[in-house]
């Protein structure tokens, strides 16, 4: 009777199908069979919370588990795990998009500023080029004007420049001398030189007279720009014609002994304004020459 009650208490909670009539000698076996399933169930139930916690930590650590209807995770956990990464991704994309827009705006502004600076630089360069071209035109015109003025002045200087009228000479009679060779005082300067020696114009001017003139023999008169007349007398030949323009140093004839002459020589007279003669020697000195 005591064994029956003990067996009955031990198997309480088991399904009726697993219950067996109490039999002597089987008490230990029945007790072992009943206790082992209870212990196994206890270990399984005790492990469920632990496994669930590990799964939640793994999902939270990775941040990559999403939720969907029908998920086996608890509703609260699935909402927390799924919503946080989604919100973070959306915010990150918004920030990145804003940064891209700002960066593009800054680039466009920089490009616009560069374009404006380049346009201003191009305009300034064009103005400089135009100004340089205008200055070059003005400079060329000025240079041409200066060259023309220089040539005119050079021509004037050549016209004003005096030259000794012959070469291989010696002075034999001076201005103002008196004697039996002249009816009055000597009116010129005599350059004795071999016959045929070239005679040149002492200055630039125009030939106003040529031909034989009594005691002067063959004579050529050259009138200078200021109206001064230069007479070349006793020539063997006359090499110019009336109206001809001659330059300083240009040949006009040759030394001779025509007219009232005691030997080949050039009788040179200087008559300012076509009037009375003056000392040729002083006229040559005034113009930078020492015969």
C-alpha atoms as a PDB file:
ATOM      1  CA  UNK A   1       0.000   0.000   0.000  1.00  0.00           C
ATOM      2  CA  UNK A   2       2.836   2.383   0.818  1.00  0.00           C
ATOM      3  CA  UNK A   3       4.543   1.680  -2.486  1.00  0.00           C
ATOM      4  CA  UNK A   4       1.401   2.376  -4.444  1.00  0.00           C
ATOM      5  CA  UNK A   5       0.978   5.873  -2.989  1.00  0.00           C
ATOM      6  CA  UNK A   6       4.550   6.741  -3.602  1.00  0.00           C
ATOM      7  CA  UNK A   7       4.325   5.672  -7.189  1.00  0.00           C
ATOM      8  CA  UNK A   8       1.155   7.634  -7.617  1.00  0.00           C
ATOM      9  CA  UNK A   9       2.744  10.826  -6.372  1.00  0.00           C
ATOM     10  CA  UNK A  10       5.775  10.378  -8.508  1.00  0.00           C
ATOM     11  CA  UNK A  11       3.895  10.011 -11.770  1.00  0.00           C
ATOM     12  CA  UNK A  12       1.478  12.903 -11.169  1.00  0.00           C
ATOM     13  CA  UNK A  13       1.477  15.207 -14.138  1.00  0.00           C
ATOM     14  CA  UNK A  14       2.229  12.509 -16.719  1.00  0.00           C
ATOM     15  CA  UNK A  15      -0.411  11.708 -19.270  1.00  0.00           C
ATOM     16  CA  UNK A  16      -2.688   8.943 -18.343  1.00  0.00           C
ATOM     17  CA  UNK A  17      -1.438   6.858 -21.235  1.00  0.00           C
ATOM     18  CA  UNK A  18       2.012   6.742 -19.653  1.00  0.00           C
ATOM     19  CA  UNK A  19       0.798   5.615 -16.353  1.00  0.00           C
ATOM     20  CA  UNK A  20       1.343   1.938 -15.555  1.00  0.00           C
ATOM     21  CA  UNK A  21       0.038  -0.167 -12.753  1.00  0.00           C
ATOM     22  CA  UNK A  22       2.330  -0.304  -9.890  1.00  0.00           C
ATOM     23  CA  UNK A  23       4.291  -3.371  -9.778  1.00  0.00           C
ATOM     24  CA  UNK A  24       6.719  -4.542  -7.228  1.00  0.00           C
ATOM     25  CA  UNK A  25      10.340  -4.216  -8.349  1.00  0.00           C
ATOM     26  CA  UNK A  26       9.783  -1.600 -10.960  1.00  0.00           C
ATOM     27  CA  UNK A  27       9.665   1.462  -8.713  1.00  0.00           C
ATOM     28  CA  UNK A  28      13.240   2.556  -9.478  1.00  0.00           C
ATOM     29  CA  UNK A  29      12.802   2.145 -13.219  1.00  0.00           C
ATOM     30  CA  UNK A  30       9.588   4.141 -13.309  1.00  0.00           C
ATOM     31  CA  UNK A  31      11.068   6.894 -11.182  1.00  0.00           C
ATOM     32  CA  UNK A  32      14.094   7.143 -13.445  1.00  0.00           C
ATOM     33  CA  UNK A  33      11.932   7.295 -16.557  1.00  0.00           C
ATOM     34  CA  UNK A  34       9.748  10.020 -15.076  1.00  0.00           C
ATOM     35  CA  UNK A  35      12.568  12.238 -13.700  1.00  0.00           C
ATOM     36  CA  UNK A  36      14.762  12.262 -16.797  1.00  0.00           C
ATOM     37  CA  UNK A  37      12.150  13.791 -19.133  1.00  0.00           C
ATOM     38  CA  UNK A  38      11.446  16.510 -16.578  1.00  0.00           C
ATOM     39  CA  UNK A  39      15.103  17.385 -16.284  1.00  0.00           C
ATOM     40  CA  UNK A  40      15.582  17.485 -20.049  1.00  0.00           C
ATOM     41  CA  UNK A  41      12.542  19.744 -20.436  1.00  0.00           C
ATOM     42  CA  UNK A  42      13.886  22.005 -17.722  1.00  0.00           C
ATOM     43  CA  UNK A  43      17.224  22.360 -19.495  1.00  0.00           C
ATOM     44  CA  UNK A  44      15.529  23.144 -22.839  1.00  0.00           C
ATOM     45  CA  UNK A  45      13.217  25.761 -21.333  1.00  0.00           C
ATOM     46  CA  UNK A  46      16.100  27.323 -19.482  1.00  0.00           C
ATOM     47  CA  UNK A  47      18.184  27.666 -22.688  1.00  0.00           C
ATOM     48  CA  UNK A  48      15.472  29.429 -24.724  1.00  0.00           C
ATOM     49  CA  UNK A  49      15.910  32.885 -23.108  1.00  0.00           C
ATOM     50  CA  UNK A  50      19.671  32.626 -23.490  1.00  0.00           C
ATOM     51  CA  UNK A  51      19.484  31.768 -27.182  1.00  0.00           C
ATOM     52  CA  UNK A  52      16.954  34.525 -27.770  1.00  0.00           C
ATOM     53  CA  UNK A  53      19.218  37.094 -26.134  1.00  0.00           C
ATOM     54  CA  UNK A  54      22.178  36.029 -28.240  1.00  0.00           C
ATOM     55  CA  UNK A  55      20.084  36.352 -31.403  1.00  0.00           C
ATOM     56  CA  UNK A  56      18.950  39.874 -30.444  1.00  0.00           C
ATOM     57  CA  UNK A  57      22.553  40.958 -29.717  1.00  0.00           C
ATOM     58  CA  UNK A  58      23.733  39.539 -33.040  1.00  0.00           C
ATOM     59  CA  UNK A  59      20.999  41.387 -34.931  1.00  0.00           C
ATOM     60  CA  UNK A  60      21.686  44.652 -33.082  1.00  0.00           C
ATOM     61  CA  UNK A  61      25.469  44.308 -33.619  1.00  0.00           C
ATOM     62  CA  UNK A  62      25.343  43.823 -37.344  1.00  0.00           C
ATOM     63  CA  UNK A  63      22.554  46.317 -38.006  1.00  0.00           C
ATOM     64  CA  UNK A  64      21.849  44.459 -41.226  1.00  0.00           C
ATOM     65  CA  UNK A  65      18.775  42.358 -40.255  1.00  0.00           C
ATOM     66  CA  UNK A  66      15.516  43.637 -41.730  1.00  0.00           C
ATOM     67  CA  UNK A  67      11.963  42.804 -40.719  1.00  0.00           C
ATOM     68  CA  UNK A  68       9.059  41.667 -42.694  1.00  0.00           C
ATOM     69  CA  UNK A  69       5.600  40.404 -41.929  1.00  0.00           C
ATOM     70  CA  UNK A  70       5.772  36.913 -40.591  1.00  0.00           C
ATOM     71  CA  UNK A  71       9.179  37.319 -38.937  1.00  0.00           C
ATOM     72  CA  UNK A  72       9.862  35.031 -36.041  1.00  0.00           C
ATOM     73  CA  UNK A  73      11.448  37.819 -33.940  1.00  0.00           C
ATOM     74  CA  UNK A  74       9.282  39.626 -31.397  1.00  0.00           C
ATOM     75  CA  UNK A  75       7.503  42.648 -32.748  1.00  0.00           C
ATOM     76  CA  UNK A  76       9.260  45.194 -30.562  1.00  0.00           C
ATOM     77  CA  UNK A  77      12.709  43.888 -31.400  1.00  0.00           C
ATOM     78  CA  UNK A  78      12.068  43.714 -35.098  1.00  0.00           C
ATOM     79  CA  UNK A  79      10.764  47.287 -35.202  1.00  0.00           C
ATOM     80  CA  UNK A  80      13.786  48.627 -33.354  1.00  0.00           C
ATOM     81  CA  UNK A  81      16.337  46.740 -35.425  1.00  0.00           C
ATOM     82  CA  UNK A  82      14.722  47.476 -38.777  1.00  0.00           C
ATOM     83  CA  UNK A  83      13.790  51.123 -38.349  1.00  0.00           C
ATOM     84  CA  UNK A  84      17.088  52.480 -37.028  1.00  0.00           C
ATOM     85  CA  UNK A  85      19.288  51.574 -40.023  1.00  0.00           C
ATOM     86  CA  UNK A  86      16.613  52.756 -42.473  1.00  0.00           C
ATOM     87  CA  UNK A  87      16.408  56.196 -40.865  1.00  0.00           C
ATOM     88  CA  UNK A  88      20.210  56.451 -40.727  1.00  0.00           C
ATOM     89  CA  UNK A  89      20.568  55.589 -44.440  1.00  0.00           C
ATOM     90  CA  UNK A  90      17.946  58.158 -45.463  1.00  0.00           C
ATOM     91  CA  UNK A  91      19.581  60.899 -43.404  1.00  0.00           C
ATOM     92  CA  UNK A  92      23.005  60.000 -44.803  1.00  0.00           C
ATOM     93  CA  UNK A  93      21.711  60.202 -48.372  1.00  0.00           C
ATOM     94  CA  UNK A  94      20.061  63.548 -47.668  1.00  0.00           C
ATOM     95  CA  UNK A  95      23.279  64.963 -46.215  1.00  0.00           C
ATOM     96  CA  UNK A  96      25.327  63.622 -49.099  1.00  0.00           C
ATOM     97  CA  UNK A  97      22.860  65.082 -51.594  1.00  0.00           C
ATOM     98  CA  UNK A  98      22.995  68.463 -49.866  1.00  0.00           C
ATOM     99  CA  UNK A  99      26.803  68.372 -49.888  1.00  0.00           C
ATOM    100  CA  UNK A 100      26.782  67.565 -53.623  1.00  0.00           C
ATOM    101  CA  UNK A 101      24.417  70.462 -54.351  1.00  0.00           C
ATOM    102  CA  UNK A 102      26.545  72.875 -52.297  1.00  0.00           C
ATOM    103  CA  UNK A 103      29.719  71.612 -53.953  1.00  0.00           C
ATOM    104  CA  UNK A 104      28.180  72.078 -57.426  1.00  0.00           C
ATOM    105  CA  UNK A 105      27.026  75.575 -56.529  1.00  0.00           C
ATOM    106  CA  UNK A 106      30.502  76.466 -55.273  1.00  0.00           C
ATOM    107  CA  UNK A 107      32.075  75.055 -58.429  1.00  0.00           C
ATOM    108  CA  UNK A 108      29.634  76.996 -60.627  1.00  0.00           C
ATOM    109  CA  UNK A 109      30.355  80.181 -58.665  1.00  0.00           C
ATOM    110  CA  UNK A 110      34.101  79.608 -58.994  1.00  0.00           C
ATOM    111  CA  UNK A 111      33.757  78.954 -62.732  1.00  0.00           C
ATOM    112  CA  UNK A 112      31.649  82.099 -63.099  1.00  0.00           C
ATOM    113  CA  UNK A 113      34.268  84.163 -61.252  1.00  0.00           C
ATOM    114  CA  UNK A 114      37.031  82.682 -63.372  1.00  0.00           C
ATOM    115  CA  UNK A 115      35.059  83.442 -66.526  1.00  0.00           C
ATOM    116  CA  UNK A 116      34.496  87.031 -65.432  1.00  0.00           C
ATOM    117  CA  UNK A 117      38.171  87.483 -64.594  1.00  0.00           C
ATOM    118  CA  UNK A 118      39.158  85.947 -67.937  1.00  0.00           C
ATOM    119  CA  UNK A 119      36.724  88.219 -69.779  1.00  0.00           C
ATOM    120  CA  UNK A 120      38.102  91.272 -67.995  1.00  0.00           C
ATOM    121  CA  UNK A 121      41.645  90.137 -68.726  1.00  0.00           C
ATOM    122  CA  UNK A 122      40.802  89.585 -72.404  1.00  0.00           C
ATOM    123  CA  UNK A 123      39.184  93.018 -72.603  1.00  0.00           C
ATOM    124  CA  UNK A 124      42.215  94.615 -70.949  1.00  0.00           C
ATOM    125  CA  UNK A 125      44.555  92.760 -73.311  1.00  0.00           C
ATOM    126  CA  UNK A 126      42.508  93.884 -76.315  1.00  0.00           C
ATOM    127  CA  UNK A 127      42.636  97.487 -75.113  1.00  0.00           C
ATOM    128  CA  UNK A 128      46.394  97.228 -74.614  1.00  0.00           C
ATOM    129  CA  UNK A 129      46.863  95.772 -78.095  1.00  0.00           C
ATOM    130  CA  UNK A 130      44.698  98.498 -79.639  1.00  0.00           C
ATOM    131  CA  UNK A 131      46.569 101.196 -77.717  1.00  0.00           C
ATOM    132  CA  UNK A 132      49.909  99.707 -78.759  1.00  0.00           C
ATOM    133  CA  UNK A 133      48.812  99.640 -82.403  1.00  0.00           C
ATOM    134  CA  UNK A 134      47.678 103.258 -82.226  1.00  0.00           C
ATOM    135  CA  UNK A 135      50.967 104.236 -80.626  1.00  0.00           C
ATOM    136  CA  UNK A 136      52.853 102.342 -83.317  1.00  0.00           C
ATOM    137  CA  UNK A 137      50.939 104.198 -86.048  1.00  0.00           C
ATOM    138  CA  UNK A 138      51.598 107.522 -84.356  1.00  0.00           C
ATOM    139  CA  UNK A 139      55.243 106.620 -83.828  1.00  0.00           C
ATOM    140  CA  UNK A 140      55.677 105.629 -87.466  1.00  0.00           C
ATOM    141  CA  UNK A 141      54.038 108.864 -88.608  1.00  0.00           C
ATOM    142  CA  UNK A 142      56.287 110.829 -86.274  1.00  0.00           C
ATOM    143  CA  UNK A 143      59.351 108.973 -87.512  1.00  0.00           C
ATOM    144  CA  UNK A 144      58.400 109.638 -91.121  1.00  0.00           C
ATOM    145  CA  UNK A 145      57.891 113.298 -90.323  1.00  0.00           C
ATOM    146  CA  UNK A 146      61.232 113.449 -88.539  1.00  0.00           C
ATOM    147  CA  UNK A 147      62.936 111.652 -91.416  1.00  0.00           C
ATOM    148  CA  UNK A 148      61.452 114.106 -93.885  1.00  0.00           C
ATOM    149  CA  UNK A 149      62.452 117.052 -91.728  1.00  0.00           C
ATOM    150  CA  UNK A 150      65.931 115.579 -91.322  1.00  0.00           C
ATOM    151  CA  UNK A 151      66.317 115.149 -95.055  1.00  0.00           C
ATOM    152  CA  UNK A 152      65.140 118.677 -95.633  1.00  0.00           C
ATOM    153  CA  UNK A 153      67.556 119.967 -93.046  1.00  0.00           C
ATOM    154  CA  UNK A 154      70.345 117.883 -94.546  1.00  0.00           C
ATOM    155  CA  UNK A 155      69.521 119.312 -97.937  1.00  0.00           C
ATOM    156  CA  UNK A 156      69.542 122.764 -96.444  1.00  0.00           C
ATOM    157  CA  UNK A 157      72.866 122.068 -94.769  1.00  0.00           C
ATOM    158  CA  UNK A 158      74.261 120.768 -98.018  1.00  0.00           C
ATOM    159  CA  UNK A 159      72.922 123.849 -99.714  1.00  0.00           C
ATOM    160  CA  UNK A 160      74.439 126.088 -97.058  1.00  0.00           C
ATOM    161  CA  UNK A 161      77.686 124.127 -96.921  1.00  0.00           C
ATOM    162  CA  UNK A 162      80.535 125.744 -98.749  1.00  0.00           C
ATOM    163  CA  UNK A 163      83.414 124.065-100.552  1.00  0.00           C
ATOM    164  CA  UNK A 164      86.827 125.218-101.745  1.00  0.00           C
ATOM    165  CA  UNK A 165      86.253 125.819-105.504  1.00  0.00           C
ATOM    166  CA  UNK A 166      89.343 124.024-106.867  1.00  0.00           C
ATOM    167  CA  UNK A 167      92.347 121.897-105.936  1.00  0.00           C
ATOM    168  CA  UNK A 168      96.133 121.932-106.401  1.00  0.00           C
ATOM    169  CA  UNK A 169      96.081 125.689-106.080  1.00  0.00           C
ATOM    170  CA  UNK A 170      97.986 128.569-104.497  1.00  0.00           C
ATOM    171  CA  UNK A 171      96.604 132.009-103.736  1.00  0.00           C
ATOM    172  CA  UNK A 172      98.268 134.657-105.957  1.00  0.00           C
ATOM    173  CA  UNK A 173      96.073 137.765-105.568  1.00  0.00           C
ATOM    174  CA  UNK A 174      93.739 138.794-102.772  1.00  0.00           C
ATOM    175  CA  UNK A 175      90.718 141.019-102.553  1.00  0.00           C
ATOM    176  CA  UNK A 176      91.439 144.803-102.534  1.00  0.00           C
ATOM    177  CA  UNK A 177      94.923 144.735-104.006  1.00  0.00           C
ATOM    178  CA  UNK A 178      95.866 147.410-106.490  1.00  0.00           C
ATOM    179  CA  UNK A 179      98.336 147.436-109.366  1.00  0.00           C
ATOM    180  CA  UNK A 180      98.801 147.726-113.074  1.00  0.00           C
ATOM    181  CA  UNK A 181      96.944 144.517-113.762  1.00  0.00           C
ATOM    182  CA  UNK A 182      93.611 146.014-112.688  1.00  0.00           C
ATOM    183  CA  UNK A 183      91.916 149.246-113.583  1.00  0.00           C
ATOM    184  CA  UNK A 184      90.945 149.553-109.922  1.00  0.00           C
ATOM    185  CA  UNK A 185      91.418 147.503-106.786  1.00  0.00           C
ATOM    186  CA  UNK A 186      91.247 143.713-107.194  1.00  0.00           C
ATOM    187  CA  UNK A 187      87.661 142.572-106.684  1.00  0.00           C
ATOM    188  CA  UNK A 188      88.233 138.865-106.084  1.00  0.00           C
ATOM    189  CA  UNK A 189      90.531 136.043-104.910  1.00  0.00           C
ATOM    190  CA  UNK A 190      92.799 134.265-107.394  1.00  0.00           C
ATOM    191  CA  UNK A 191      93.472 130.482-107.186  1.00  0.00           C
ATOM    192  CA  UNK A 192      96.402 129.641-109.457  1.00  0.00           C
ATOM    193  CA  UNK A 193      96.157 126.014-110.662  1.00  0.00           C
ATOM    194  CA  UNK A 194      97.104 123.944-113.734  1.00  0.00           C
ATOM    195  CA  UNK A 195      94.956 124.513-116.768  1.00  0.00           C
ATOM    196  CA  UNK A 196      92.047 122.087-116.948  1.00  0.00           C
ATOM    197  CA  UNK A 197      91.822 121.621-113.179  1.00  0.00           C
ATOM    198  CA  UNK A 198      88.140 121.106-112.258  1.00  0.00           C
ATOM    199  CA  UNK A 199      86.191 124.054-110.844  1.00  0.00           C
ATOM    200  CA  UNK A 200      83.317 123.240-108.496  1.00  0.00           C
ATOM    201  CA  UNK A 201      80.482 125.343-107.105  1.00  0.00           C
ATOM    202  CA  UNK A 202      81.298 126.600-103.623  1.00  0.00           C
ATOM    203  CA  UNK A 203      77.616 126.244-102.581  1.00  0.00           C
ATOM    204  CA  UNK A 204      74.304 125.014-103.894  1.00  0.00           C
ATOM    205  CA  UNK A 205      72.393 127.307-106.202  1.00  0.00           C
ATOM    206  CA  UNK A 206      71.155 127.970-109.701  1.00  0.00           C
ATOM    207  CA  UNK A 207      73.216 128.870-112.752  1.00  0.00           C
ATOM    208  CA  UNK A 208      72.062 132.337-113.788  1.00  0.00           C
ATOM    209  CA  UNK A 209      74.745 133.317-116.333  1.00  0.00           C
ATOM    210  CA  UNK A 210      77.361 131.692-118.579  1.00  0.00           C
ATOM    211  CA  UNK A 211      79.617 132.927-121.427  1.00  0.00           C
ATOM    212  CA  UNK A 212      82.470 135.214-122.350  1.00  0.00           C
ATOM    213  CA  UNK A 213      82.628 138.553-120.464  1.00  0.00           C
ATOM    214  CA  UNK A 214      85.553 140.751-121.621  1.00  0.00           C
ATOM    215  CA  UNK A 215      88.399 140.886-119.146  1.00  0.00           C
ATOM    216  CA  UNK A 216      86.725 138.135-117.078  1.00  0.00           C
ATOM    217  CA  UNK A 217      87.038 135.706-119.979  1.00  0.00           C
ATOM    218  CA  UNK A 218      84.711 132.681-119.829  1.00  0.00           C
ATOM    219  CA  UNK A 219      82.498 133.278-116.805  1.00  0.00           C
ATOM    220  CA  UNK A 220      79.830 131.321-114.893  1.00  0.00           C
ATOM    221  CA  UNK A 221      77.526 132.921-112.303  1.00  0.00           C
ATOM    222  CA  UNK A 222      75.770 130.772-109.686  1.00  0.00           C
ATOM    223  CA  UNK A 223      73.123 132.444-107.518  1.00  0.00           C
ATOM    224  CA  UNK A 224      72.678 130.943-104.045  1.00  0.00           C
ATOM    225  CA  UNK A 225      69.385 130.563-102.181  1.00  0.00           C
ATOM    226  CA  UNK A 226      69.994 133.787-100.223  1.00  0.00           C
ATOM    227  CA  UNK A 227      70.578 135.746-103.437  1.00  0.00           C
ATOM    228  CA  UNK A 228      74.374 135.840-103.190  1.00  0.00           C
ATOM    229  CA  UNK A 229      76.084 135.608-106.577  1.00  0.00           C
ATOM    230  CA  UNK A 230      79.353 133.641-107.025  1.00  0.00           C
ATOM    231  CA  UNK A 231      81.412 134.500-110.124  1.00  0.00           C
ATOM    232  CA  UNK A 232      83.853 131.977-111.651  1.00  0.00           C
ATOM    233  CA  UNK A 233      86.113 133.681-114.212  1.00  0.00           C
ATOM    234  CA  UNK A 234      88.919 132.870-116.766  1.00  0.00           C
ATOM    235  CA  UNK A 235      87.584 129.324-117.344  1.00  0.00           C
ATOM    236  CA  UNK A 236      88.859 127.139-120.155  1.00  0.00           C
ATOM    237  CA  UNK A 237      85.536 125.321-120.412  1.00  0.00           C
ATOM    238  CA  UNK A 238      82.030 125.912-119.045  1.00  0.00           C
ATOM    239  CA  UNK A 239      80.226 122.681-118.112  1.00  0.00           C
ATOM    240  CA  UNK A 240      76.779 123.983-117.031  1.00  0.00           C
ATOM    241  CA  UNK A 241      73.848 125.874-118.573  1.00  0.00           C
ATOM    242  CA  UNK A 242      71.674 128.761-117.396  1.00  0.00           C
ATOM    243  CA  UNK A 243      68.802 127.590-115.219  1.00  0.00           C
ATOM    244  CA  UNK A 244      70.591 124.455-114.052  1.00  0.00           C
ATOM    245  CA  UNK A 245      70.559 123.618-110.340  1.00  0.00           C
ATOM    246  CA  UNK A 246      73.972 122.722-108.946  1.00  0.00           C
ATOM    247  CA  UNK A 247      75.031 121.410-105.568  1.00  0.00           C
ATOM    248  CA  UNK A 248      77.915 122.289-103.366  1.00  0.00           C
ATOM    249  CA  UNK A 249      81.056 120.656-104.811  1.00  0.00           C
ATOM    250  CA  UNK A 250      79.472 119.963-108.234  1.00  0.00           C
ATOM    251  CA  UNK A 251      81.789 120.644-111.202  1.00  0.00           C
ATOM    252  CA  UNK A 252      80.843 123.620-113.331  1.00  0.00           C
ATOM    253  CA  UNK A 253      83.954 124.051-115.550  1.00  0.00           C
ATOM    254  CA  UNK A 254      87.797 123.982-115.704  1.00  0.00           C
ATOM    255  CA  UNK A 255      90.628 126.356-114.838  1.00  0.00           C
ATOM    256  CA  UNK A 256      91.915 128.467-117.747  1.00  0.00           C
ATOM    257  CA  UNK A 257      93.510 131.787-118.737  1.00  0.00           C
ATOM    258  CA  UNK A 258      90.845 133.450-120.915  1.00  0.00           C
ATOM    259  CA  UNK A 259      90.266 137.226-120.719  1.00  0.00           C
ATOM    260  CA  UNK A 260      92.672 139.547-118.910  1.00  0.00           C
ATOM    261  CA  UNK A 261      94.987 136.910-117.396  1.00  0.00           C
ATOM    262  CA  UNK A 262      98.724 136.332-116.999  1.00  0.00           C
ATOM    263  CA  UNK A 263      98.388 132.551-116.445  1.00  0.00           C
ATOM    264  CA  UNK A 264      95.861 129.806-115.687  1.00  0.00           C
ATOM    265  CA  UNK A 265      93.937 130.606-112.541  1.00  0.00           C
ATOM    266  CA  UNK A 266      90.405 130.951-111.162  1.00  0.00           C
ATOM    267  CA  UNK A 267      89.220 134.449-110.336  1.00  0.00           C
ATOM    268  CA  UNK A 268      86.505 134.041-107.655  1.00  0.00           C
ATOM    269  CA  UNK A 269      84.113 136.857-106.661  1.00  0.00           C
ATOM    270  CA  UNK A 270      81.370 136.925-103.989  1.00  0.00           C
ATOM    271  CA  UNK A 271      78.551 139.481-104.446  1.00  0.00           C
ATOM    272  CA  UNK A 272      75.796 139.383-101.760  1.00  0.00           C
ATOM    273  CA  UNK A 273      72.380 140.093-103.283  1.00  0.00           C
ATOM    274  CA  UNK A 274      74.022 140.572-106.683  1.00  0.00           C
ATOM    275  CA  UNK A 275      75.553 143.864-105.486  1.00  0.00           C
ATOM    276  CA  UNK A 276      79.113 144.968-104.872  1.00  0.00           C
ATOM    277  CA  UNK A 277      81.782 142.318-104.255  1.00  0.00           C
ATOM    278  CA  UNK A 278      83.096 141.382-100.782  1.00  0.00           C
ATOM    279  CA  UNK A 279      86.257 139.579 -99.734  1.00  0.00           C
ATOM    280  CA  UNK A 280      85.914 135.929-100.865  1.00  0.00           C
ATOM    281  CA  UNK A 281      88.489 134.839 -98.319  1.00  0.00           C
ATOM    282  CA  UNK A 282      86.385 136.139 -95.406  1.00  0.00           C
ATOM    283  CA  UNK A 283      83.239 134.642 -96.944  1.00  0.00           C
ATOM    284  CA  UNK A 284      84.898 131.223 -97.037  1.00  0.00           C
ATOM    285  CA  UNK A 285      86.120 131.595 -93.457  1.00  0.00           C
ATOM    286  CA  UNK A 286      82.624 132.557 -92.246  1.00  0.00           C
ATOM    287  CA  UNK A 287      81.336 129.325 -93.804  1.00  0.00           C
ATOM    288  CA  UNK A 288      83.930 127.177 -92.084  1.00  0.00           C
ATOM    289  CA  UNK A 289      86.638 127.075 -94.748  1.00  0.00           C
ATOM    290  CA  UNK A 290      90.234 128.286 -94.714  1.00  0.00           C
ATOM    291  CA  UNK A 291      91.636 128.451 -98.274  1.00  0.00           C
END
